[in-house]
Amino acid sequence: MARGTQVSFRSVFAVAEFRAMWAAEALSQAGDQLARVGLAILVYQRTGSAALTGLTYALSMAPAFLGGILLSGLADRIPRREVMVAADLSRAALIGLCAIPGLPFPVICVLVAGVSFLHAPFKAAQLALLPDVLEGDLYVVGMGIRTITMQSAQLLGFAGGGVLVNAINPYVALAFDAVTFVASASFVRLGVGYRPAPVSAVAEVAGVAPAKPSFASSLGTGLHLLFREPGLRVLVTFSWLVSFLIVYEGLAAPYTAEIGGGAIAVGIILASDPAGSVVGALVFSRWVSPETRPRLIGPLVIVNCLLLLPCFLKPGLVISVGLFGLAGAVGTAVFMQSTASFARAVPDESRAQALGLTQSGTATIQGVAPLLAGVLADWIGTAHAVGVVGVIGLAIALPAAASWRQALPTSTSAAPTAATP
């Protein structure tokens, strides 16, 4: 494909392996949305405890952090397609057990934590495999398609998940989630071609017996790539920073109450970021040239921080929705390009471990940032706390953007660990 040629969505969907991976992820995402709502309703019905309901919801996401550290490297030592299939089938079994009526609450917690734990190696294998399936700018546009699909599913989940679960009952929702994992495994197994584990492929080219690295060696290599390579370190900073900035989602209820909104307004605030993300992914992947995208992420991450500063003035609902929607659009563009640049720059034999560690950091920040911002909000007010997050973000974004600008002239080199855009 000629340099500067704009890739269309049709070109990406013309790749059969991508269609299989996209269908698998979209289906399991829909099942996960229903299952989270179903678990929340089920646990609250059985325990009457908001705290236990919140604990169950947290368990559906938090253990992915540990899974990212411990299991992401599997997709560098085992064929990535097989890791995805095994993770899907294992999650199907665990969530299927949750659908058994009368299961003790502690058992449900363990099963839900297991599902979240296994999400990490699946995601690491998927993200590491995608650059092999989509070459060149097809990859960035494919990331845009994934973002649009996932954020649209989140929007639909906010809008109708509770109504649907009430109509079909929580146990059916959990059983449906198990079925989607089986379907996802089938799409991947039948639609994605076999590729050997990267470490085996490298050894084969070198003409030596494959020596699979130990867990400690794999983890050490991933950490080295994240923190010792300057270009990659900046890209990770960008990804983690935009994850830090979305605290307004976690604080939607108190923020809305502070600006004078009700329950409907909370839903609108929650929907603003994913709606903006859909628009941002569409515009960035379809109408921004491949050469321009890497140069934009530094300025865009600064804009993302600036969009939170008007919260110091406690703007009304309409302005808040506009700010958070724009923040979602800009942050998504930064996250897409940072992830794409990072994945293409990391050596294939360490890609899954490095991406897994990055995703673990993202998940941790998304969980911890609203908690810390909530503590701050109790002192100075929620709107002001969101504004402070913007100030902190700006203090990180400005030097990071300057570092990225300096890295850009050398980032087009062919060095395998350079921060190639």
Protein backbone atom coordinates (compact mmCIF):
# COMPACT_ATOMS: atom_id res chain seq x y z
CA MET A 1 0.00 0.00 0.00
CA ALA A 2 1.41 3.41 -1.02
CA ARG A 3 2.61 5.69 1.74
CA GLY A 4 -0.12 8.20 2.63
CA THR A 5 -2.92 6.08 1.20
CA GLN A 6 -5.92 6.21 3.49
CA VAL A 7 -7.13 2.80 4.60
CA SER A 8 -10.88 2.17 4.58
CA PHE A 9 -12.90 0.07 7.00
CA ARG A 10 -13.77 -2.17 4.06
CA SER A 11 -10.06 -2.89 3.50
CA VAL A 12 -9.69 -3.97 7.12
CA PHE A 13 -12.79 -6.17 7.07
CA ALA A 14 -11.51 -7.76 3.86
CA VAL A 15 -8.94 -9.54 6.03
CA ALA A 16 -10.68 -12.79 7.03
CA GLU A 17 -8.61 -13.32 10.18
CA PHE A 18 -9.51 -9.85 11.45
CA ARG A 19 -13.20 -10.55 10.84
CA ALA A 20 -12.93 -13.66 13.01
CA MET A 21 -11.10 -11.83 15.80
CA TRP A 22 -13.48 -8.87 15.64
CA ALA A 23 -16.58 -11.08 15.78
CA ALA A 24 -15.15 -13.05 18.70
CA GLU A 25 -14.36 -9.92 20.71
CA ALA A 26 -17.65 -8.17 19.92
CA LEU A 27 -19.69 -11.20 20.94
CA SER A 28 -17.84 -11.80 24.20
CA GLN A 29 -17.99 -8.07 25.01
CA ALA A 30 -21.76 -8.12 24.66
CA GLY A 31 -21.91 -11.16 26.93
CA ASP A 32 -19.63 -9.52 29.49
CA GLN A 33 -21.80 -6.40 29.64
CA LEU A 34 -24.89 -8.49 30.32
CA ALA A 35 -23.04 -10.65 32.84
CA ARG A 36 -21.79 -7.66 34.85
CA VAL A 37 -25.30 -6.27 35.09
CA GLY A 38 -26.66 -9.73 35.83
CA LEU A 39 -24.13 -10.33 38.59
CA ALA A 40 -24.88 -6.98 40.19
CA ILE A 41 -28.62 -7.66 40.21
CA LEU A 42 -28.19 -11.27 41.35
CA VAL A 43 -25.85 -10.43 44.23
CA TYR A 44 -27.97 -7.51 45.41
CA GLN A 45 -31.13 -9.64 45.28
CA ARG A 46 -29.48 -12.37 47.36
CA THR A 47 -27.53 -10.26 49.87
CA GLY A 48 -29.25 -6.87 49.93
CA SER A 49 -25.78 -5.39 50.38
CA ALA A 50 -24.50 -2.55 48.21
CA ALA A 51 -20.96 -3.24 49.46
CA LEU A 52 -21.04 -6.90 48.38
CA THR A 53 -22.55 -5.87 45.05
CA GLY A 54 -19.70 -3.42 44.54
CA LEU A 55 -17.18 -6.09 45.56
CA THR A 56 -18.55 -8.48 42.93
CA TYR A 57 -18.35 -5.79 40.25
CA ALA A 58 -14.76 -5.01 41.26
CA LEU A 59 -13.87 -8.71 41.08
CA SER A 60 -15.13 -8.77 37.50
CA MET A 61 -12.27 -6.43 36.54
CA ALA A 62 -9.58 -6.04 39.21
CA PRO A 63 -7.88 -9.51 39.06
CA ALA A 64 -7.00 -8.79 35.41
CA PHE A 65 -4.11 -6.73 36.83
CA LEU A 66 -2.52 -9.80 38.43
CA GLY A 67 -3.30 -11.90 35.38
CA GLY A 68 -1.54 -9.35 33.18
CA ILE A 69 1.64 -9.63 35.24
CA LEU A 70 1.65 -13.41 35.71
CA LEU A 71 0.11 -14.79 32.51
CA SER A 72 0.67 -12.31 29.66
CA GLY A 73 4.05 -13.85 28.83
CA LEU A 74 2.33 -17.14 27.96
CA ALA A 75 1.41 -15.65 24.59
CA ASP A 76 5.12 -15.22 23.81
CA ARG A 77 5.91 -18.85 24.68
CA ILE A 78 2.76 -20.58 23.39
CA PRO A 79 1.03 -19.97 20.03
CA ARG A 80 -1.17 -16.93 20.57
CA ARG A 81 -4.22 -18.43 18.93
CA GLU A 82 -4.10 -21.35 21.37
CA VAL A 83 -3.80 -18.99 24.35
CA MET A 84 -6.92 -17.12 23.23
CA VAL A 85 -8.92 -20.32 22.71
CA ALA A 86 -7.85 -21.82 26.05
CA ALA A 87 -8.66 -18.60 27.91
CA ASP A 88 -12.09 -18.36 26.29
CA LEU A 89 -13.04 -21.97 27.05
CA SER A 90 -11.81 -21.67 30.64
CA ARG A 91 -13.82 -18.47 31.14
CA ALA A 92 -16.88 -20.16 29.64
CA ALA A 93 -16.62 -22.92 32.23
CA LEU A 94 -16.16 -20.51 35.15
CA ILE A 95 -18.98 -18.12 34.25
CA GLY A 96 -21.18 -21.09 33.36
CA LEU A 97 -20.81 -22.33 36.95
CA CYS A 98 -21.96 -18.90 38.17
CA ALA A 99 -25.25 -19.51 36.35
CA ILE A 100 -26.08 -22.41 38.69
CA PRO A 101 -28.88 -21.22 41.04
CA GLY A 102 -28.12 -21.25 44.76
CA LEU A 103 -24.34 -21.15 44.44
CA PRO A 104 -22.79 -19.75 47.67
CA PHE A 105 -21.68 -16.14 47.43
CA PRO A 106 -17.97 -16.82 48.23
CA VAL A 107 -17.88 -19.38 45.41
CA ILE A 108 -19.35 -16.81 43.01
CA CYS A 109 -16.62 -14.37 44.05
CA VAL A 110 -13.88 -16.90 43.32
CA LEU A 111 -15.38 -17.80 39.93
CA VAL A 112 -15.82 -14.17 38.90
CA ALA A 113 -12.25 -13.37 39.95
CA GLY A 114 -11.04 -16.31 37.86
CA VAL A 115 -12.85 -15.00 34.78
CA SER A 116 -11.21 -11.60 35.24
CA PHE A 117 -7.80 -13.18 35.86
CA LEU A 118 -7.99 -15.05 32.53
CA HIS A 119 -9.04 -11.93 30.64
CA ALA A 120 -5.44 -10.66 30.80
CA PRO A 121 -3.69 -13.45 28.83
CA PHE A 122 -6.51 -13.41 26.27
CA LYS A 123 -6.15 -9.65 25.76
CA ALA A 124 -2.34 -9.82 25.63
CA ALA A 125 -2.45 -12.60 23.03
CA GLN A 126 -5.08 -10.76 21.00
CA LEU A 127 -3.24 -7.43 20.95
CA ALA A 128 0.07 -9.16 20.19
CA LEU A 129 -1.46 -11.16 17.33
CA LEU A 130 -3.27 -8.24 15.71
CA PRO A 131 -0.15 -6.61 14.13
CA ASP A 132 0.54 -9.95 12.40
CA VAL A 133 -2.99 -10.10 11.05
CA LEU A 134 -3.16 -6.44 9.96
CA GLU A 135 -0.05 -5.00 8.36
CA GLY A 136 0.90 -1.35 8.09
CA ASP A 137 -1.86 1.21 8.53
CA LEU A 138 -4.50 -1.53 8.42
CA TYR A 139 -3.49 -2.13 12.04
CA VAL A 140 -4.28 1.40 13.28
CA VAL A 141 -7.61 1.45 11.44
CA GLY A 142 -8.37 -2.00 12.82
CA MET A 143 -7.71 -0.65 16.32
CA GLY A 144 -10.20 2.11 15.53
CA ILE A 145 -12.83 -0.44 14.50
CA ARG A 146 -12.26 -2.35 17.74
CA THR A 147 -12.62 0.83 19.78
CA ILE A 148 -15.84 1.82 18.03
CA THR A 149 -17.28 -1.66 18.58
CA MET A 150 -16.30 -1.90 22.24
CA GLN A 151 -17.45 1.61 23.16
CA SER A 152 -20.74 1.10 21.31
CA ALA A 153 -21.27 -2.07 23.33
CA GLN A 154 -20.60 -0.11 26.51
CA LEU A 155 -23.13 2.52 25.46
CA LEU A 156 -25.74 -0.15 24.78
CA GLY A 157 -24.93 -1.72 28.13
CA PHE A 158 -25.53 1.55 29.96
CA ALA A 159 -28.72 2.15 28.00
CA GLY A 160 -30.43 -1.22 28.08
CA GLY A 161 -28.45 -3.79 30.04
CA GLY A 162 -30.54 -3.58 33.19
CA VAL A 163 -33.83 -3.72 31.29
CA LEU A 164 -32.71 -6.77 29.31
CA VAL A 165 -31.39 -8.64 32.35
CA ASN A 166 -34.64 -8.03 34.21
CA ALA A 167 -36.53 -9.41 31.22
CA ILE A 168 -34.50 -12.61 30.89
CA ASN A 169 -33.35 -12.97 34.59
CA PRO A 170 -29.72 -12.85 35.81
CA TYR A 171 -29.04 -16.59 35.52
CA VAL A 172 -29.89 -16.58 31.82
CA ALA A 173 -27.61 -13.57 31.33
CA LEU A 174 -24.72 -15.46 32.93
CA ALA A 175 -25.42 -18.56 30.84
CA PHE A 176 -25.50 -16.38 27.72
CA ASP A 177 -22.08 -14.97 28.64
CA ALA A 178 -20.72 -18.53 28.87
CA VAL A 179 -22.10 -19.28 25.41
CA THR A 180 -20.45 -16.16 23.99
CA PHE A 181 -17.06 -17.32 25.28
CA VAL A 182 -17.52 -20.68 23.53
CA ALA A 183 -18.55 -18.88 20.35
CA SER A 184 -15.55 -16.57 20.64
CA ALA A 185 -13.21 -19.55 20.99
CA SER A 186 -14.79 -21.11 17.89
CA PHE A 187 -14.34 -17.95 15.82
CA VAL A 188 -10.68 -17.72 16.81
CA ARG A 189 -9.90 -21.42 16.36
CA LEU A 190 -11.59 -21.70 12.96
CA GLY A 191 -10.99 -18.23 11.59
CA VAL A 192 -7.41 -17.41 12.64
CA GLY A 193 -4.46 -19.21 11.11
CA TYR A 194 -1.89 -21.07 13.17
CA ARG A 195 1.35 -19.26 13.97
CA PRO A 196 4.10 -20.75 16.10
CA ALA A 197 5.08 -19.13 19.37
CA PRO A 198 7.36 -16.14 18.65
CA VAL A 199 10.27 -17.55 20.66
CA SER A 200 10.06 -20.80 18.64
CA ALA A 201 9.91 -18.89 15.36
CA VAL A 202 12.99 -16.82 16.26
CA ALA A 203 14.91 -19.97 17.23
CA GLU A 204 13.89 -21.68 13.97
CA VAL A 205 15.23 -18.78 11.89
CA ALA A 206 18.48 -18.87 13.89
CA GLY A 207 18.75 -22.62 13.39
CA VAL A 208 18.85 -23.48 17.09
CA ALA A 209 16.56 -25.39 19.41
CA PRO A 210 13.82 -23.16 20.86
CA ALA A 211 14.59 -22.20 24.45
CA LYS A 212 11.51 -20.76 26.06
CA PRO A 213 12.32 -18.03 28.58
CA SER A 214 11.44 -18.46 32.22
CA PHE A 215 8.62 -16.45 33.79
CA ALA A 216 11.12 -14.19 35.55
CA SER A 217 13.10 -13.65 32.35
CA SER A 218 9.97 -12.85 30.35
CA LEU A 219 8.71 -10.45 33.00
CA GLY A 220 12.11 -8.78 33.26
CA THR A 221 12.28 -8.29 29.50
CA GLY A 222 8.82 -6.74 29.46
CA LEU A 223 9.68 -4.35 32.30
CA HIS A 224 12.93 -3.43 30.58
CA LEU A 225 11.08 -2.51 27.39
CA LEU A 226 8.50 -0.45 29.27
CA PHE A 227 10.89 1.61 31.39
CA ARG A 228 14.34 1.60 29.74
CA GLU A 229 13.48 2.46 26.11
CA PRO A 230 12.76 6.22 26.03
CA GLY A 231 10.32 6.19 23.11
CA LEU A 232 8.37 3.26 24.50
CA ARG A 233 8.34 4.82 27.97
CA VAL A 234 6.67 7.94 26.59
CA LEU A 235 4.06 5.87 24.74
CA VAL A 236 3.24 3.97 27.93
CA THR A 237 3.00 7.30 29.77
CA PHE A 238 0.49 8.56 27.20
CA SER A 239 -1.65 5.41 27.51
CA TRP A 240 -1.65 5.47 31.30
CA LEU A 241 -2.26 9.20 31.46
CA VAL A 242 -5.43 9.14 29.36
CA SER A 243 -6.64 6.27 31.56
CA PHE A 244 -5.99 8.42 34.63
CA LEU A 245 -7.97 11.35 33.24
CA ILE A 246 -11.33 9.56 32.96
CA VAL A 247 -12.04 9.84 36.70
CA TYR A 248 -15.27 11.66 35.85
CA GLU A 249 -16.83 8.29 34.97
CA GLY A 250 -16.15 6.87 38.43
CA LEU A 251 -17.39 10.10 40.06
CA ALA A 252 -20.40 10.57 37.77
CA ALA A 253 -23.04 10.35 40.52
CA PRO A 254 -21.52 12.85 42.99
CA TYR A 255 -20.40 15.13 40.14
CA THR A 256 -23.91 15.24 38.70
CA ALA A 257 -25.45 15.93 42.12
CA GLU A 258 -22.99 18.78 42.62
CA ILE A 259 -23.96 20.50 39.36
CA GLY A 260 -27.68 20.01 40.06
CA GLY A 261 -28.58 16.96 37.97
CA GLY A 262 -30.66 13.88 38.76
CA ALA A 263 -30.54 10.16 37.98
CA ILE A 264 -31.10 10.65 34.24
CA ALA A 265 -28.25 13.14 34.15
CA VAL A 266 -25.92 10.55 35.72
CA GLY A 267 -26.62 8.21 32.81
CA ILE A 268 -25.97 11.00 30.34
CA ILE A 269 -22.65 11.84 32.01
CA LEU A 270 -21.67 8.16 31.94
CA ALA A 271 -22.56 7.88 28.27
CA SER A 272 -20.67 11.01 27.21
CA ASP A 273 -17.18 9.49 27.29
CA PRO A 274 -17.95 6.30 25.32
CA ALA A 275 -20.00 8.32 22.83
CA GLY A 276 -17.07 10.68 22.34
CA SER A 277 -14.73 7.70 22.06
CA VAL A 278 -16.74 6.29 19.14
CA VAL A 279 -16.52 9.62 17.31
CA GLY A 280 -12.82 10.04 18.13
CA ALA A 281 -11.93 6.55 16.90
CA LEU A 282 -13.88 7.08 13.69
CA VAL A 283 -12.37 10.47 12.88
CA PHE A 284 -8.81 9.60 13.89
CA SER A 285 -8.65 6.29 12.02
CA ARG A 286 -10.53 7.37 8.90
CA TRP A 287 -9.69 11.03 8.28
CA VAL A 288 -6.27 11.62 9.80
CA SER A 289 -3.36 10.56 7.61
CA PRO A 290 -1.00 7.80 8.79
CA GLU A 291 1.94 10.23 8.80
CA THR A 292 0.09 12.81 10.90
CA ARG A 293 -1.27 10.54 13.63
CA PRO A 294 1.98 9.98 15.59
CA ARG A 295 2.74 13.71 15.55
CA LEU A 296 -0.69 14.55 16.96
CA ILE A 297 -0.67 12.43 20.11
CA GLY A 298 1.56 14.81 22.09
CA PRO A 299 -0.64 17.88 21.52
CA LEU A 300 -3.80 15.80 21.91
CA VAL A 301 -2.84 14.48 25.34
CA ILE A 302 -2.31 18.08 26.47
CA VAL A 303 -5.76 19.00 25.11
CA ASN A 304 -7.21 16.03 27.00
CA CYS A 305 -5.90 17.50 30.27
CA LEU A 306 -7.06 21.03 29.44
CA LEU A 307 -10.62 19.81 28.88
CA LEU A 308 -10.92 18.98 32.59
CA LEU A 309 -9.87 22.42 33.84
CA PRO A 310 -13.31 24.09 33.26
CA CYS A 311 -14.65 21.73 35.96
CA PHE A 312 -13.20 24.16 38.51
CA LEU A 313 -16.09 26.46 37.48
CA LYS A 314 -18.74 23.74 38.03
CA PRO A 315 -20.23 23.94 34.54
CA GLY A 316 -23.80 22.78 33.92
CA LEU A 317 -24.87 19.47 32.47
CA VAL A 318 -24.71 20.45 28.80
CA ILE A 319 -21.19 21.88 29.03
CA SER A 320 -20.00 18.97 31.18
CA VAL A 321 -21.31 16.44 28.68
CA GLY A 322 -19.58 18.33 25.88
CA LEU A 323 -16.28 18.48 27.79
CA PHE A 324 -16.34 14.80 28.72
CA GLY A 325 -17.41 13.78 25.22
CA LEU A 326 -14.49 15.72 23.71
CA ALA A 327 -12.19 14.26 26.35
CA GLY A 328 -13.34 10.78 25.35
CA ALA A 329 -12.71 11.50 21.67
CA VAL A 330 -9.24 12.97 22.23
CA GLY A 331 -8.21 10.37 24.81
CA THR A 332 -9.27 7.52 22.54
CA ALA A 333 -7.19 8.89 19.68
CA VAL A 334 -4.15 9.11 21.96
CA PHE A 335 -4.71 5.62 23.37
CA MET A 336 -5.19 4.04 19.93
CA GLN A 337 -2.05 5.53 18.42
CA SER A 338 0.06 4.98 21.52
CA THR A 339 -0.94 1.32 21.67
CA ALA A 340 -0.41 0.83 17.95
CA SER A 341 3.02 2.50 17.97
CA PHE A 342 4.03 0.52 21.05
CA ALA A 343 2.90 -2.83 19.66
CA ARG A 344 4.71 -2.33 16.37
CA ALA A 345 7.92 -1.21 18.08
CA VAL A 346 8.24 -4.07 20.57
CA PRO A 347 10.05 -7.23 19.37
CA ASP A 348 7.56 -9.94 18.49
CA GLU A 349 9.01 -12.43 20.98
CA SER A 350 8.28 -10.01 23.88
CA ARG A 351 5.19 -8.28 22.54
CA ALA A 352 2.53 -10.09 24.56
CA GLN A 353 4.37 -9.66 27.87
CA ALA A 354 4.99 -5.96 27.25
CA LEU A 355 1.40 -5.32 26.14
CA GLY A 356 0.09 -7.33 29.07
CA LEU A 357 2.06 -5.22 31.53
CA THR A 358 0.82 -2.05 29.84
CA GLN A 359 -2.78 -3.25 30.03
CA SER A 360 -2.32 -4.18 33.70
CA GLY A 361 -1.12 -0.67 34.41
CA THR A 362 -4.11 0.76 32.57
CA ALA A 363 -6.55 -1.37 34.53
CA THR A 364 -4.89 -0.44 37.82
CA ILE A 365 -4.99 3.27 37.06
CA GLN A 366 -8.62 3.11 35.97
CA GLY A 367 -9.49 1.45 39.27
CA VAL A 368 -7.31 3.47 41.65
CA ALA A 369 -7.68 6.95 40.13
CA PRO A 370 -11.43 7.33 40.84
CA LEU A 371 -10.86 6.07 44.38
CA LEU A 372 -8.15 8.65 45.10
CA ALA A 373 -10.10 11.38 43.31
CA GLY A 374 -13.13 10.43 45.41
CA VAL A 375 -11.14 10.90 48.62
CA LEU A 376 -10.00 14.29 47.35
CA ALA A 377 -13.59 15.15 46.37
CA ASP A 378 -14.71 14.67 49.97
CA TRP A 379 -12.39 17.55 50.90
CA ILE A 380 -12.73 20.02 48.03
CA GLY A 381 -15.83 18.92 46.08
CA THR A 382 -16.17 16.57 43.11
CA ALA A 383 -15.99 19.13 40.31
CA HIS A 384 -12.87 20.67 41.81
CA ALA A 385 -11.32 17.21 42.22
CA VAL A 386 -11.85 16.51 38.50
CA GLY A 387 -10.18 19.84 37.75
CA VAL A 388 -7.21 18.93 39.97
CA VAL A 389 -6.84 15.68 38.01
CA GLY A 390 -6.57 17.81 34.87
CA VAL A 391 -3.82 19.92 36.48
CA ILE A 392 -1.88 16.82 37.57
CA GLY A 393 -2.30 15.37 34.10
CA LEU A 394 -1.01 18.57 32.52
CA ALA A 395 2.12 18.45 34.68
CA ILE A 396 2.80 14.96 33.27
CA ALA A 397 1.63 15.61 29.70
CA LEU A 398 3.79 18.66 28.96
CA PRO A 399 7.21 17.02 29.50
CA ALA A 400 5.99 13.74 27.98
CA ALA A 401 4.82 15.54 24.83
CA ALA A 402 8.16 17.35 24.61
CA SER A 403 10.02 14.02 24.94
CA TRP A 404 7.85 12.46 22.24
CA ARG A 405 8.51 15.38 19.91
CA GLN A 406 12.24 14.83 20.35
CA ALA A 407 11.84 11.09 19.73
CA LEU A 408 9.88 11.52 16.51
CA PRO A 409 12.81 12.18 14.13
CA THR A 410 14.43 8.87 15.10
CA SER A 411 11.16 6.99 15.63
CA THR A 412 10.87 6.14 11.94
CA SER A 413 14.04 4.08 12.01
CA ALA A 414 13.88 0.36 11.45
CA ALA A 415 15.35 -0.57 14.82
CA PRO A 416 13.05 -3.22 16.30
CA THR A 417 12.80 -1.60 19.74
CA ALA A 418 12.66 2.00 18.61
CA ALA A 419 9.42 3.84 19.13
CA THR A 420 8.27 3.38 15.58
CA PRO A 421 4.98 5.21 14.93
